[in-house]
Amino acid sequence: MRQQAESRAPGNRRRSAQKQPVLSGWRKELWDWTKALIVAAIIVMLLQAYVFQLSTVKKISMEPTLHENEWLFVNKVVLEFGSLKRGDVVILKDPSEGPERKEYLVKRIVGMPGDTLEIRGGELYINGKLTVEPYTDAKIEDGDFGPTTVSPKHYFVMGDNRHERASRDSRAFNEVPESYIKGRADLIVWPISRWAKL
């Protein structure tokens, strides 16, 4: 009896091994693709959270530099390892209140911490000196403003569109805390015909 039982044991092991589910063919390929997509999605989410994101331009406040519906490559690393400077185009959390408030805005930094800004006669003065702004196509049409001095860890931002009521910016909601800036727009990536470094 023992010999018979022992002789059956290898066959039992073979049958039990055959019963174990094994992914094969299209199921295995599908599972491999699923794993790859999950890993890719996690990598993209981490990159968007800490390295870069794509942002779409809304409205006309940054014309003629940026046009509505253009896509921007937004550099987030600069906030951790670099430094912002006057002239940078940035994506920022809208600090304003009311029905016109948006989640994010795209504006240009014109005033750094400690700068004194004044608008008079349609021109921007920084620390008493007239500022040359090659990215604009008109004088400032919204009237005089300031002088005002930018607080530490704050920035004064404006839209490049200087026509009357074309841009809601620091003239309306005042200086912007550094923590509200989400990244620096480095490139126009879409449409291809408008590809350019900012």
N, C-alpha and C. Protein backbone atom coordinates (compact mmCIF):
# COMPACT_ATOMS: atom_id res chain seq x y z
N MET A 1 0.82 -1.20 0.00
CA MET A 1 0.00 0.00 0.00
C MET A 1 0.86 1.26 0.00
N ARG A 2 1.95 1.21 0.77
CA ARG A 2 2.81 2.38 0.83
C ARG A 2 3.43 2.66 -0.53
N GLN A 3 3.83 1.58 -1.22
CA GLN A 3 4.44 1.77 -2.53
C GLN A 3 3.45 2.37 -3.52
N GLN A 4 2.18 1.89 -3.43
CA GLN A 4 1.16 2.44 -4.33
C GLN A 4 0.94 3.93 -4.06
N ALA A 5 0.87 4.27 -2.74
CA ALA A 5 0.66 5.68 -2.39
C ALA A 5 1.82 6.52 -2.87
N GLU A 6 3.05 5.98 -2.69
CA GLU A 6 4.22 6.74 -3.12
C GLU A 6 4.26 6.87 -4.63
N SER A 7 3.80 5.83 -5.32
CA SER A 7 3.83 5.90 -6.78
C SER A 7 2.82 6.89 -7.32
N ARG A 8 1.75 7.15 -6.54
CA ARG A 8 0.76 8.12 -7.00
C ARG A 8 1.16 9.56 -6.69
N ALA A 9 2.05 9.74 -5.73
CA ALA A 9 2.39 11.10 -5.29
C ALA A 9 2.93 11.98 -6.39
N PRO A 10 3.88 11.54 -7.24
CA PRO A 10 4.38 12.41 -8.31
C PRO A 10 3.29 12.84 -9.26
N GLY A 11 2.38 11.94 -9.56
CA GLY A 11 1.28 12.30 -10.45
C GLY A 11 0.39 13.35 -9.83
N ASN A 12 0.16 13.23 -8.53
CA ASN A 12 -0.66 14.23 -7.83
C ASN A 12 0.00 15.60 -7.89
N ARG A 13 1.34 15.62 -7.72
CA ARG A 13 2.04 16.89 -7.77
C ARG A 13 1.94 17.52 -9.15
N ARG A 14 2.04 16.68 -10.18
CA ARG A 14 1.93 17.21 -11.54
C ARG A 14 0.55 17.79 -11.81
N ARG A 15 -0.49 17.06 -11.32
CA ARG A 15 -1.85 17.56 -11.54
C ARG A 15 -2.10 18.86 -10.81
N SER A 16 -1.58 18.97 -9.55
CA SER A 16 -1.77 20.21 -8.79
C SER A 16 -1.04 21.37 -9.44
N ALA A 17 0.13 21.08 -10.02
CA ALA A 17 0.87 22.14 -10.71
C ALA A 17 0.13 22.60 -11.94
N GLN A 18 -0.52 21.65 -12.62
CA GLN A 18 -1.27 22.01 -13.82
C GLN A 18 -2.48 22.87 -13.50
N LYS A 19 -3.04 22.70 -12.29
CA LYS A 19 -4.23 23.46 -11.91
C LYS A 19 -3.92 24.90 -11.53
N GLN A 20 -2.66 25.24 -11.24
CA GLN A 20 -2.31 26.62 -10.85
C GLN A 20 -2.53 27.56 -12.03
N PRO A 21 -3.25 28.68 -11.79
CA PRO A 21 -3.52 29.61 -12.89
C PRO A 21 -2.24 30.27 -13.38
N VAL A 22 -2.04 30.29 -14.66
CA VAL A 22 -0.86 30.90 -15.26
C VAL A 22 -1.31 31.87 -16.33
N LEU A 23 -0.83 33.15 -16.27
CA LEU A 23 -1.15 34.12 -17.31
C LEU A 23 -0.38 33.78 -18.57
N SER A 24 -1.08 33.72 -19.64
CA SER A 24 -0.41 33.41 -20.90
C SER A 24 -1.08 34.15 -22.04
N GLY A 25 -0.36 34.27 -23.13
CA GLY A 25 -0.94 34.88 -24.32
C GLY A 25 -1.32 36.33 -24.10
N TRP A 26 -2.53 36.67 -24.55
CA TRP A 26 -2.97 38.07 -24.51
C TRP A 26 -3.18 38.57 -23.09
N ARG A 27 -3.51 37.65 -22.16
CA ARG A 27 -3.71 38.08 -20.77
C ARG A 27 -2.40 38.59 -20.16
N LYS A 28 -1.34 37.86 -20.43
CA LYS A 28 -0.03 38.29 -19.92
C LYS A 28 0.39 39.62 -20.54
N GLU A 29 0.16 39.76 -21.84
CA GLU A 29 0.51 41.01 -22.52
C GLU A 29 -0.31 42.18 -21.97
N LEU A 30 -1.61 41.92 -21.72
CA LEU A 30 -2.47 42.97 -21.15
C LEU A 30 -1.98 43.38 -19.77
N TRP A 31 -1.60 42.41 -18.95
CA TRP A 31 -1.12 42.71 -17.61
C TRP A 31 0.19 43.51 -17.66
N ASP A 32 1.08 43.14 -18.58
CA ASP A 32 2.34 43.88 -18.74
C ASP A 32 2.08 45.33 -19.14
N TRP A 33 1.14 45.53 -20.07
CA TRP A 33 0.79 46.89 -20.49
C TRP A 33 0.16 47.68 -19.34
N THR A 34 -0.69 47.01 -18.57
CA THR A 34 -1.34 47.68 -17.43
C THR A 34 -0.30 48.15 -16.42
N LYS A 35 0.66 47.29 -16.09
CA LYS A 35 1.72 47.68 -15.15
C LYS A 35 2.53 48.85 -15.69
N ALA A 36 2.85 48.80 -16.99
CA ALA A 36 3.63 49.89 -17.59
C ALA A 36 2.87 51.21 -17.54
N LEU A 37 1.57 51.16 -17.82
CA LEU A 37 0.76 52.38 -17.80
C LEU A 37 0.64 52.95 -16.39
N ILE A 38 0.51 52.07 -15.39
CA ILE A 38 0.41 52.53 -14.00
C ILE A 38 1.71 53.22 -13.59
N VAL A 39 2.84 52.61 -13.92
CA VAL A 39 4.14 53.22 -13.59
C VAL A 39 4.31 54.55 -14.30
N ALA A 40 3.93 54.59 -15.59
CA ALA A 40 4.04 55.84 -16.36
C ALA A 40 3.16 56.93 -15.76
N ALA A 41 1.94 56.56 -15.35
CA ALA A 41 1.02 57.55 -14.76
C ALA A 41 1.59 58.11 -13.46
N ILE A 42 2.18 57.25 -12.65
CA ILE A 42 2.78 57.71 -11.38
C ILE A 42 3.94 58.67 -11.66
N ILE A 43 4.77 58.32 -12.64
CA ILE A 43 5.91 59.19 -12.99
C ILE A 43 5.42 60.55 -13.47
N VAL A 44 4.40 60.55 -14.34
CA VAL A 44 3.86 61.82 -14.85
C VAL A 44 3.29 62.66 -13.72
N MET A 45 2.57 62.03 -12.79
CA MET A 45 1.99 62.78 -11.67
C MET A 45 3.08 63.40 -10.80
N LEU A 46 4.15 62.66 -10.57
CA LEU A 46 5.26 63.19 -9.77
C LEU A 46 5.95 64.34 -10.49
N LEU A 47 6.15 64.18 -11.81
CA LEU A 47 6.78 65.25 -12.59
C LEU A 47 5.92 66.50 -12.58
N GLN A 48 4.60 66.34 -12.74
CA GLN A 48 3.71 67.51 -12.74
C GLN A 48 3.64 68.17 -11.38
N ALA A 49 3.79 67.38 -10.33
CA ALA A 49 3.71 67.95 -8.98
C ALA A 49 4.97 68.72 -8.61
N TYR A 50 6.14 68.25 -9.08
CA TYR A 50 7.39 68.82 -8.59
C TYR A 50 8.32 69.38 -9.66
N VAL A 51 8.12 69.03 -10.93
CA VAL A 51 9.09 69.41 -11.95
C VAL A 51 8.50 70.36 -12.99
N PHE A 52 7.41 69.98 -13.63
CA PHE A 52 6.83 70.83 -14.67
C PHE A 52 5.34 70.55 -14.80
N GLN A 53 4.67 71.43 -15.52
CA GLN A 53 3.29 71.18 -15.92
C GLN A 53 3.03 71.97 -17.19
N LEU A 54 1.95 71.62 -17.86
CA LEU A 54 1.50 72.38 -19.01
C LEU A 54 0.33 73.25 -18.58
N SER A 55 0.31 74.48 -19.03
CA SER A 55 -0.74 75.42 -18.66
C SER A 55 -1.28 76.08 -19.92
N THR A 56 -2.58 76.33 -19.94
CA THR A 56 -3.23 76.95 -21.10
C THR A 56 -3.51 78.42 -20.83
N VAL A 57 -3.21 79.27 -21.79
CA VAL A 57 -3.45 80.70 -21.66
C VAL A 57 -4.94 80.99 -21.84
N LYS A 58 -5.50 81.71 -20.90
CA LYS A 58 -6.89 82.15 -21.00
C LYS A 58 -6.92 83.68 -21.12
N LYS A 59 -7.83 84.18 -21.91
CA LYS A 59 -8.05 85.62 -22.09
C LYS A 59 -6.86 86.27 -22.81
N ILE A 60 -6.84 87.61 -22.78
CA ILE A 60 -5.90 88.36 -23.63
C ILE A 60 -4.94 89.24 -22.82
N SER A 61 -4.85 89.01 -21.52
CA SER A 61 -4.09 89.94 -20.68
C SER A 61 -2.59 89.92 -20.94
N MET A 62 -2.09 88.86 -21.63
CA MET A 62 -0.65 88.78 -21.90
C MET A 62 -0.31 89.05 -23.36
N GLU A 63 -1.26 89.49 -24.15
CA GLU A 63 -0.93 89.87 -25.53
C GLU A 63 -0.07 91.13 -25.52
N PRO A 64 0.85 91.29 -26.45
CA PRO A 64 1.09 90.47 -27.64
C PRO A 64 2.02 89.27 -27.42
N THR A 65 2.52 89.08 -26.19
CA THR A 65 3.46 87.98 -25.95
C THR A 65 2.79 86.62 -26.06
N LEU A 66 1.65 86.48 -25.41
CA LEU A 66 0.92 85.21 -25.39
C LEU A 66 -0.49 85.43 -25.92
N HIS A 67 -0.98 84.42 -26.65
CA HIS A 67 -2.33 84.49 -27.20
C HIS A 67 -3.21 83.44 -26.52
N GLU A 68 -4.50 83.70 -26.54
CA GLU A 68 -5.46 82.80 -25.90
C GLU A 68 -5.35 81.39 -26.48
N ASN A 69 -5.43 80.39 -25.58
CA ASN A 69 -5.41 78.96 -25.90
C ASN A 69 -4.03 78.41 -26.26
N GLU A 70 -3.00 79.21 -26.12
CA GLU A 70 -1.65 78.66 -26.28
C GLU A 70 -1.28 77.83 -25.06
N TRP A 71 -0.44 76.82 -25.27
CA TRP A 71 0.03 75.97 -24.19
C TRP A 71 1.43 76.39 -23.78
N LEU A 72 1.65 76.43 -22.47
CA LEU A 72 2.94 76.83 -21.93
C LEU A 72 3.59 75.69 -21.15
N PHE A 73 4.90 75.57 -21.29
CA PHE A 73 5.67 74.66 -20.45
C PHE A 73 6.07 75.43 -19.20
N VAL A 74 5.60 74.96 -18.04
CA VAL A 74 5.81 75.68 -16.78
C VAL A 74 6.86 74.95 -15.95
N ASN A 75 7.94 75.64 -15.65
CA ASN A 75 9.06 75.10 -14.88
C ASN A 75 8.80 75.31 -13.39
N LYS A 76 8.68 74.20 -12.64
CA LYS A 76 8.47 74.30 -11.19
C LYS A 76 9.76 74.19 -10.40
N VAL A 77 10.77 73.58 -11.01
CA VAL A 77 12.05 73.37 -10.32
C VAL A 77 12.68 74.69 -9.93
N VAL A 78 12.47 75.72 -10.75
CA VAL A 78 13.08 77.03 -10.48
C VAL A 78 12.67 77.57 -9.11
N LEU A 79 11.50 77.18 -8.63
CA LEU A 79 11.04 77.66 -7.32
C LEU A 79 11.85 77.05 -6.18
N GLU A 80 12.40 75.86 -6.40
CA GLU A 80 13.16 75.18 -5.35
C GLU A 80 14.66 75.41 -5.47
N PHE A 81 15.16 75.43 -6.71
CA PHE A 81 16.60 75.44 -6.90
C PHE A 81 17.12 76.69 -7.62
N GLY A 82 16.22 77.52 -8.09
CA GLY A 82 16.64 78.73 -8.78
C GLY A 82 16.08 79.96 -8.11
N SER A 83 15.94 81.00 -8.88
CA SER A 83 15.37 82.23 -8.34
C SER A 83 14.61 82.95 -9.43
N LEU A 84 13.52 83.58 -9.06
CA LEU A 84 12.74 84.37 -10.00
C LEU A 84 13.40 85.73 -10.18
N LYS A 85 13.17 86.32 -11.34
CA LYS A 85 13.75 87.64 -11.59
C LYS A 85 12.75 88.51 -12.33
N ARG A 86 13.04 89.79 -12.34
CA ARG A 86 12.19 90.74 -13.05
C ARG A 86 12.13 90.36 -14.53
N GLY A 87 10.93 90.34 -15.08
CA GLY A 87 10.75 89.97 -16.48
C GLY A 87 10.27 88.55 -16.68
N ASP A 88 10.36 87.70 -15.66
CA ASP A 88 9.88 86.33 -15.78
C ASP A 88 8.36 86.30 -15.95
N VAL A 89 7.89 85.41 -16.82
CA VAL A 89 6.46 85.15 -16.95
C VAL A 89 6.13 83.98 -16.02
N VAL A 90 5.15 84.18 -15.14
CA VAL A 90 4.87 83.18 -14.11
C VAL A 90 3.39 82.80 -14.09
N ILE A 91 3.15 81.59 -13.58
CA ILE A 91 1.79 81.12 -13.30
C ILE A 91 1.58 81.30 -11.80
N LEU A 92 0.49 81.95 -11.43
CA LEU A 92 0.26 82.23 -10.01
C LEU A 92 -1.19 81.98 -9.62
N LYS A 93 -1.36 81.65 -8.38
CA LYS A 93 -2.70 81.52 -7.82
C LYS A 93 -3.34 82.90 -7.77
N ASP A 94 -4.57 83.00 -8.24
CA ASP A 94 -5.26 84.30 -8.27
C ASP A 94 -5.55 84.76 -6.85
N PRO A 95 -4.94 85.87 -6.41
CA PRO A 95 -5.14 86.34 -5.03
C PRO A 95 -6.40 87.18 -4.84
N SER A 96 -7.10 87.47 -5.92
CA SER A 96 -8.26 88.36 -5.84
C SER A 96 -9.49 87.63 -5.32
N GLU A 97 -10.50 88.39 -4.98
CA GLU A 97 -11.78 87.86 -4.53
C GLU A 97 -12.87 88.34 -5.48
N GLY A 98 -14.03 87.71 -5.41
CA GLY A 98 -15.15 88.16 -6.22
C GLY A 98 -15.42 87.27 -7.42
N PRO A 99 -16.43 87.62 -8.20
CA PRO A 99 -16.87 86.77 -9.31
C PRO A 99 -15.85 86.64 -10.44
N GLU A 100 -14.92 87.58 -10.55
CA GLU A 100 -13.93 87.53 -11.63
C GLU A 100 -12.73 86.65 -11.30
N ARG A 101 -12.71 86.14 -10.08
CA ARG A 101 -11.55 85.36 -9.64
C ARG A 101 -11.41 84.07 -10.44
N LYS A 102 -10.17 83.78 -10.87
CA LYS A 102 -9.84 82.54 -11.57
C LYS A 102 -8.95 81.69 -10.66
N GLU A 103 -8.79 80.43 -11.01
CA GLU A 103 -7.92 79.58 -10.20
C GLU A 103 -6.46 80.02 -10.34
N TYR A 104 -6.03 80.22 -11.59
CA TYR A 104 -4.65 80.63 -11.85
C TYR A 104 -4.61 81.76 -12.88
N LEU A 105 -3.54 82.54 -12.82
CA LEU A 105 -3.30 83.62 -13.77
C LEU A 105 -1.90 83.47 -14.34
N VAL A 106 -1.70 84.04 -15.52
CA VAL A 106 -0.35 84.13 -16.08
C VAL A 106 -0.01 85.61 -16.21
N LYS A 107 1.09 86.03 -15.60
CA LYS A 107 1.49 87.44 -15.58
C LYS A 107 3.01 87.53 -15.66
N ARG A 108 3.49 88.76 -15.79
CA ARG A 108 4.94 89.00 -15.82
C ARG A 108 5.36 89.72 -14.54
N ILE A 109 6.46 89.26 -13.95
CA ILE A 109 7.01 89.95 -12.78
C ILE A 109 7.66 91.26 -13.24
N VAL A 110 7.17 92.37 -12.71
CA VAL A 110 7.79 93.67 -13.03
C VAL A 110 8.42 94.30 -11.79
N GLY A 111 8.04 93.83 -10.61
CA GLY A 111 8.60 94.38 -9.38
C GLY A 111 9.08 93.30 -8.44
N MET A 112 10.33 93.42 -8.00
CA MET A 112 10.94 92.47 -7.07
C MET A 112 10.80 92.99 -5.64
N PRO A 113 11.03 92.12 -4.64
CA PRO A 113 10.99 92.59 -3.26
C PRO A 113 11.91 93.79 -3.05
N GLY A 114 11.37 94.85 -2.45
CA GLY A 114 12.15 96.06 -2.19
C GLY A 114 12.06 97.11 -3.27
N ASP A 115 11.57 96.75 -4.46
CA ASP A 115 11.42 97.72 -5.54
C ASP A 115 10.29 98.71 -5.23
N THR A 116 10.48 99.95 -5.67
CA THR A 116 9.42 100.95 -5.62
C THR A 116 8.93 101.20 -7.04
N LEU A 117 7.63 100.98 -7.25
CA LEU A 117 7.04 101.11 -8.58
C LEU A 117 6.07 102.26 -8.64
N GLU A 118 6.05 102.89 -9.80
CA GLU A 118 5.10 103.98 -10.04
C GLU A 118 4.74 104.00 -11.53
N ILE A 119 3.47 104.24 -11.80
CA ILE A 119 3.02 104.41 -13.18
C ILE A 119 2.54 105.84 -13.32
N ARG A 120 3.14 106.55 -14.27
CA ARG A 120 2.69 107.92 -14.53
C ARG A 120 2.90 108.23 -16.02
N GLY A 121 1.93 108.90 -16.57
CA GLY A 121 2.00 109.24 -17.98
C GLY A 121 2.06 108.04 -18.90
N GLY A 122 1.48 106.92 -18.46
CA GLY A 122 1.48 105.72 -19.28
C GLY A 122 2.77 104.93 -19.27
N GLU A 123 3.70 105.30 -18.40
CA GLU A 123 5.00 104.63 -18.35
C GLU A 123 5.23 104.02 -16.96
N LEU A 124 6.01 102.95 -16.92
CA LEU A 124 6.34 102.28 -15.67
C LEU A 124 7.72 102.72 -15.20
N TYR A 125 7.77 103.16 -13.95
CA TYR A 125 9.04 103.57 -13.33
C TYR A 125 9.35 102.60 -12.18
N ILE A 126 10.57 102.11 -12.17
CA ILE A 126 11.02 101.22 -11.10
C ILE A 126 12.21 101.88 -10.41
N ASN A 127 12.06 102.11 -9.12
CA ASN A 127 13.09 102.80 -8.33
C ASN A 127 13.48 104.14 -8.96
N GLY A 128 12.46 104.82 -9.47
CA GLY A 128 12.64 106.16 -10.02
C GLY A 128 13.13 106.20 -11.46
N LYS A 129 13.39 105.05 -12.07
CA LYS A 129 13.92 105.02 -13.44
C LYS A 129 12.86 104.49 -14.41
N LEU A 130 12.76 105.15 -15.55
CA LEU A 130 11.85 104.70 -16.59
C LEU A 130 12.27 103.31 -17.08
N THR A 131 11.30 102.41 -17.16
CA THR A 131 11.58 101.04 -17.56
C THR A 131 11.24 100.82 -19.03
N VAL A 132 12.18 100.27 -19.76
CA VAL A 132 11.94 99.90 -21.17
C VAL A 132 11.32 98.51 -21.19
N GLU A 133 10.15 98.39 -21.81
CA GLU A 133 9.43 97.11 -21.85
C GLU A 133 9.19 96.70 -23.31
N PRO A 134 10.12 95.97 -23.90
CA PRO A 134 10.00 95.61 -25.32
C PRO A 134 8.88 94.62 -25.62
N TYR A 135 8.33 93.99 -24.59
CA TYR A 135 7.27 92.99 -24.78
C TYR A 135 5.87 93.61 -24.86
N THR A 136 5.75 94.92 -24.72
CA THR A 136 4.45 95.58 -24.81
C THR A 136 4.32 96.29 -26.15
N ASP A 137 3.07 96.60 -26.52
CA ASP A 137 2.86 97.32 -27.79
C ASP A 137 2.07 98.61 -27.60
N ALA A 138 1.94 99.03 -26.34
CA ALA A 138 1.20 100.26 -26.07
C ALA A 138 1.61 100.81 -24.71
N LYS A 139 1.37 102.10 -24.51
CA LYS A 139 1.56 102.67 -23.19
C LYS A 139 0.44 102.18 -22.26
N ILE A 140 0.66 102.33 -20.97
CA ILE A 140 -0.33 101.91 -19.98
C ILE A 140 -1.50 102.88 -20.02
N GLU A 141 -2.69 102.36 -20.33
CA GLU A 141 -3.85 103.21 -20.55
C GLU A 141 -4.79 103.31 -19.35
N ASP A 142 -4.45 102.65 -18.25
CA ASP A 142 -5.36 102.62 -17.09
C ASP A 142 -5.13 103.73 -16.08
N GLY A 143 -4.27 104.68 -16.39
CA GLY A 143 -4.06 105.79 -15.47
C GLY A 143 -2.86 105.58 -14.57
N ASP A 144 -2.60 106.59 -13.75
CA ASP A 144 -1.43 106.57 -12.87
C ASP A 144 -1.66 105.63 -11.68
N PHE A 145 -0.55 105.18 -11.10
CA PHE A 145 -0.61 104.24 -9.97
C PHE A 145 0.64 104.43 -9.13
N GLY A 146 0.46 104.34 -7.80
CA GLY A 146 1.61 104.39 -6.90
C GLY A 146 2.07 105.80 -6.59
N PRO A 147 3.29 105.90 -6.04
CA PRO A 147 4.29 104.83 -5.89
C PRO A 147 3.95 103.83 -4.78
N THR A 148 4.45 102.61 -4.95
CA THR A 148 4.28 101.55 -3.96
C THR A 148 5.56 100.74 -3.89
N THR A 149 5.90 100.28 -2.69
CA THR A 149 7.11 99.49 -2.49
C THR A 149 6.74 98.04 -2.23
N VAL A 150 7.40 97.14 -2.92
CA VAL A 150 7.09 95.71 -2.82
C VAL A 150 7.67 95.14 -1.53
N SER A 151 6.84 94.40 -0.80
CA SER A 151 7.25 93.81 0.48
C SER A 151 8.22 92.65 0.28
N PRO A 152 8.96 92.27 1.33
CA PRO A 152 9.82 91.08 1.24
C PRO A 152 8.99 89.84 0.88
N LYS A 153 9.57 88.96 0.07
CA LYS A 153 8.94 87.71 -0.37
C LYS A 153 7.61 87.95 -1.09
N HIS A 154 7.51 89.06 -1.78
CA HIS A 154 6.34 89.38 -2.60
C HIS A 154 6.83 89.88 -3.96
N TYR A 155 5.92 89.84 -4.93
CA TYR A 155 6.23 90.31 -6.29
C TYR A 155 5.08 91.15 -6.83
N PHE A 156 5.44 92.11 -7.65
CA PHE A 156 4.43 92.93 -8.33
C PHE A 156 4.35 92.42 -9.76
N VAL A 157 3.15 92.02 -10.18
CA VAL A 157 2.98 91.42 -11.50
C VAL A 157 2.02 92.25 -12.35
N MET A 158 2.26 92.22 -13.65
CA MET A 158 1.38 92.90 -14.60
C MET A 158 1.23 92.04 -15.85
N GLY A 159 0.12 92.25 -16.58
CA GLY A 159 -0.03 91.65 -17.88
C GLY A 159 0.69 92.48 -18.93
N ASP A 160 1.12 91.85 -20.01
CA ASP A 160 1.80 92.59 -21.08
C ASP A 160 0.84 93.46 -21.88
N ASN A 161 -0.44 93.15 -21.83
CA ASN A 161 -1.45 93.94 -22.55
C ASN A 161 -1.74 95.20 -21.73
N ARG A 162 -1.28 96.34 -22.19
CA ARG A 162 -1.38 97.57 -21.41
C ARG A 162 -2.57 98.44 -21.85
N HIS A 163 -3.44 97.90 -22.69
CA HIS A 163 -4.63 98.65 -23.08
C HIS A 163 -5.61 98.71 -21.91
N GLU A 164 -6.51 99.64 -21.95
CA GLU A 164 -7.42 99.91 -20.84
C GLU A 164 -8.23 98.67 -20.46
N ARG A 165 -8.19 98.33 -19.17
CA ARG A 165 -8.93 97.21 -18.59
C ARG A 165 -8.62 95.86 -19.25
N ALA A 166 -7.46 95.73 -19.85
CA ALA A 166 -7.10 94.48 -20.52
C ALA A 166 -6.48 93.45 -19.57
N SER A 167 -5.93 93.92 -18.44
CA SER A 167 -5.26 93.00 -17.52
C SER A 167 -5.65 93.31 -16.08
N ARG A 168 -6.05 92.26 -15.37
CA ARG A 168 -6.30 92.36 -13.93
C ARG A 168 -5.05 91.81 -13.24
N ASP A 169 -4.32 92.71 -12.58
CA ASP A 169 -3.02 92.33 -12.04
C ASP A 169 -2.76 93.02 -10.71
N SER A 170 -1.49 93.22 -10.35
CA SER A 170 -1.16 93.79 -9.04
C SER A 170 -1.68 95.21 -8.84
N ARG A 171 -2.03 95.88 -9.91
CA ARG A 171 -2.66 97.19 -9.76
C ARG A 171 -4.04 97.06 -9.14
N ALA A 172 -4.65 95.88 -9.29
CA ALA A 172 -5.98 95.63 -8.73
C ALA A 172 -5.91 94.85 -7.42
N PHE A 173 -5.09 93.79 -7.39
CA PHE A 173 -5.06 92.93 -6.19
C PHE A 173 -3.77 93.07 -5.40
N ASN A 174 -2.95 94.04 -5.73
CA ASN A 174 -1.72 94.35 -4.99
C ASN A 174 -0.64 93.28 -5.21
N GLU A 175 0.43 93.38 -4.46
CA GLU A 175 1.56 92.48 -4.63
C GLU A 175 1.16 91.04 -4.33
N VAL A 176 1.93 90.10 -4.87
CA VAL A 176 1.60 88.68 -4.77
C VAL A 176 2.61 87.97 -3.87
N PRO A 177 2.15 87.22 -2.86
CA PRO A 177 3.09 86.47 -2.02
C PRO A 177 3.86 85.43 -2.84
N GLU A 178 5.09 85.22 -2.48
CA GLU A 178 5.93 84.25 -3.18
C GLU A 178 5.28 82.87 -3.23
N SER A 179 4.57 82.50 -2.17
CA SER A 179 3.95 81.17 -2.09
C SER A 179 2.83 80.99 -3.11
N TYR A 180 2.31 82.08 -3.68
CA TYR A 180 1.24 82.00 -4.67
C TYR A 180 1.78 81.67 -6.07
N ILE A 181 3.07 81.82 -6.26
CA ILE A 181 3.64 81.56 -7.59
C ILE A 181 3.91 80.06 -7.73
N LYS A 182 3.34 79.47 -8.77
CA LYS A 182 3.39 78.02 -8.96
C LYS A 182 4.47 77.57 -9.93
N GLY A 183 5.00 78.48 -10.72
CA GLY A 183 6.05 78.10 -11.66
C GLY A 183 6.33 79.22 -12.64
N ARG A 184 7.43 79.05 -13.38
CA ARG A 184 7.83 80.02 -14.40
C ARG A 184 7.54 79.43 -15.78
N ALA A 185 6.84 80.20 -16.60
CA ALA A 185 6.56 79.75 -17.97
C ALA A 185 7.81 79.95 -18.81
N ASP A 186 8.38 78.85 -19.28
CA ASP A 186 9.64 78.91 -20.03
C ASP A 186 9.46 78.84 -21.54
N LEU A 187 8.40 78.14 -21.99
CA LEU A 187 8.23 77.91 -23.43
C LEU A 187 6.77 77.99 -23.83
N ILE A 188 6.53 78.48 -25.05
CA ILE A 188 5.25 78.26 -25.72
C ILE A 188 5.43 76.96 -26.50
N VAL A 189 4.62 75.94 -26.20
CA VAL A 189 4.79 74.64 -26.85
C VAL A 189 3.69 74.32 -27.86
N TRP A 190 2.60 75.08 -27.82
CA TRP A 190 1.51 74.84 -28.78
C TRP A 190 0.76 76.14 -29.03
N PRO A 191 0.42 76.43 -30.28
CA PRO A 191 0.68 75.64 -31.49
C PRO A 191 2.15 75.65 -31.89
N ILE A 192 2.53 74.67 -32.68
CA ILE A 192 3.93 74.53 -33.09
C ILE A 192 4.43 75.79 -33.79
N SER A 193 3.55 76.42 -34.55
CA SER A 193 3.95 77.62 -35.30
C SER A 193 4.33 78.78 -34.38
N ARG A 194 3.91 78.69 -33.11
CA ARG A 194 4.21 79.76 -32.14
C ARG A 194 5.28 79.33 -31.13
N TRP A 195 5.92 78.19 -31.36
CA TRP A 195 6.91 77.69 -30.41
C TRP A 195 7.98 78.75 -30.19
N ALA A 196 8.22 79.06 -28.90
CA ALA A 196 9.22 80.09 -28.59
C ALA A 196 9.61 80.01 -27.13
N LYS A 197 10.82 80.42 -26.84
CA LYS A 197 11.29 80.53 -25.46
C LYS A 197 10.86 81.88 -24.91
N LEU A 198 10.40 81.87 -23.67
CA LEU A 198 9.96 83.12 -23.05
C LEU A 198 11.08 83.74 -22.22
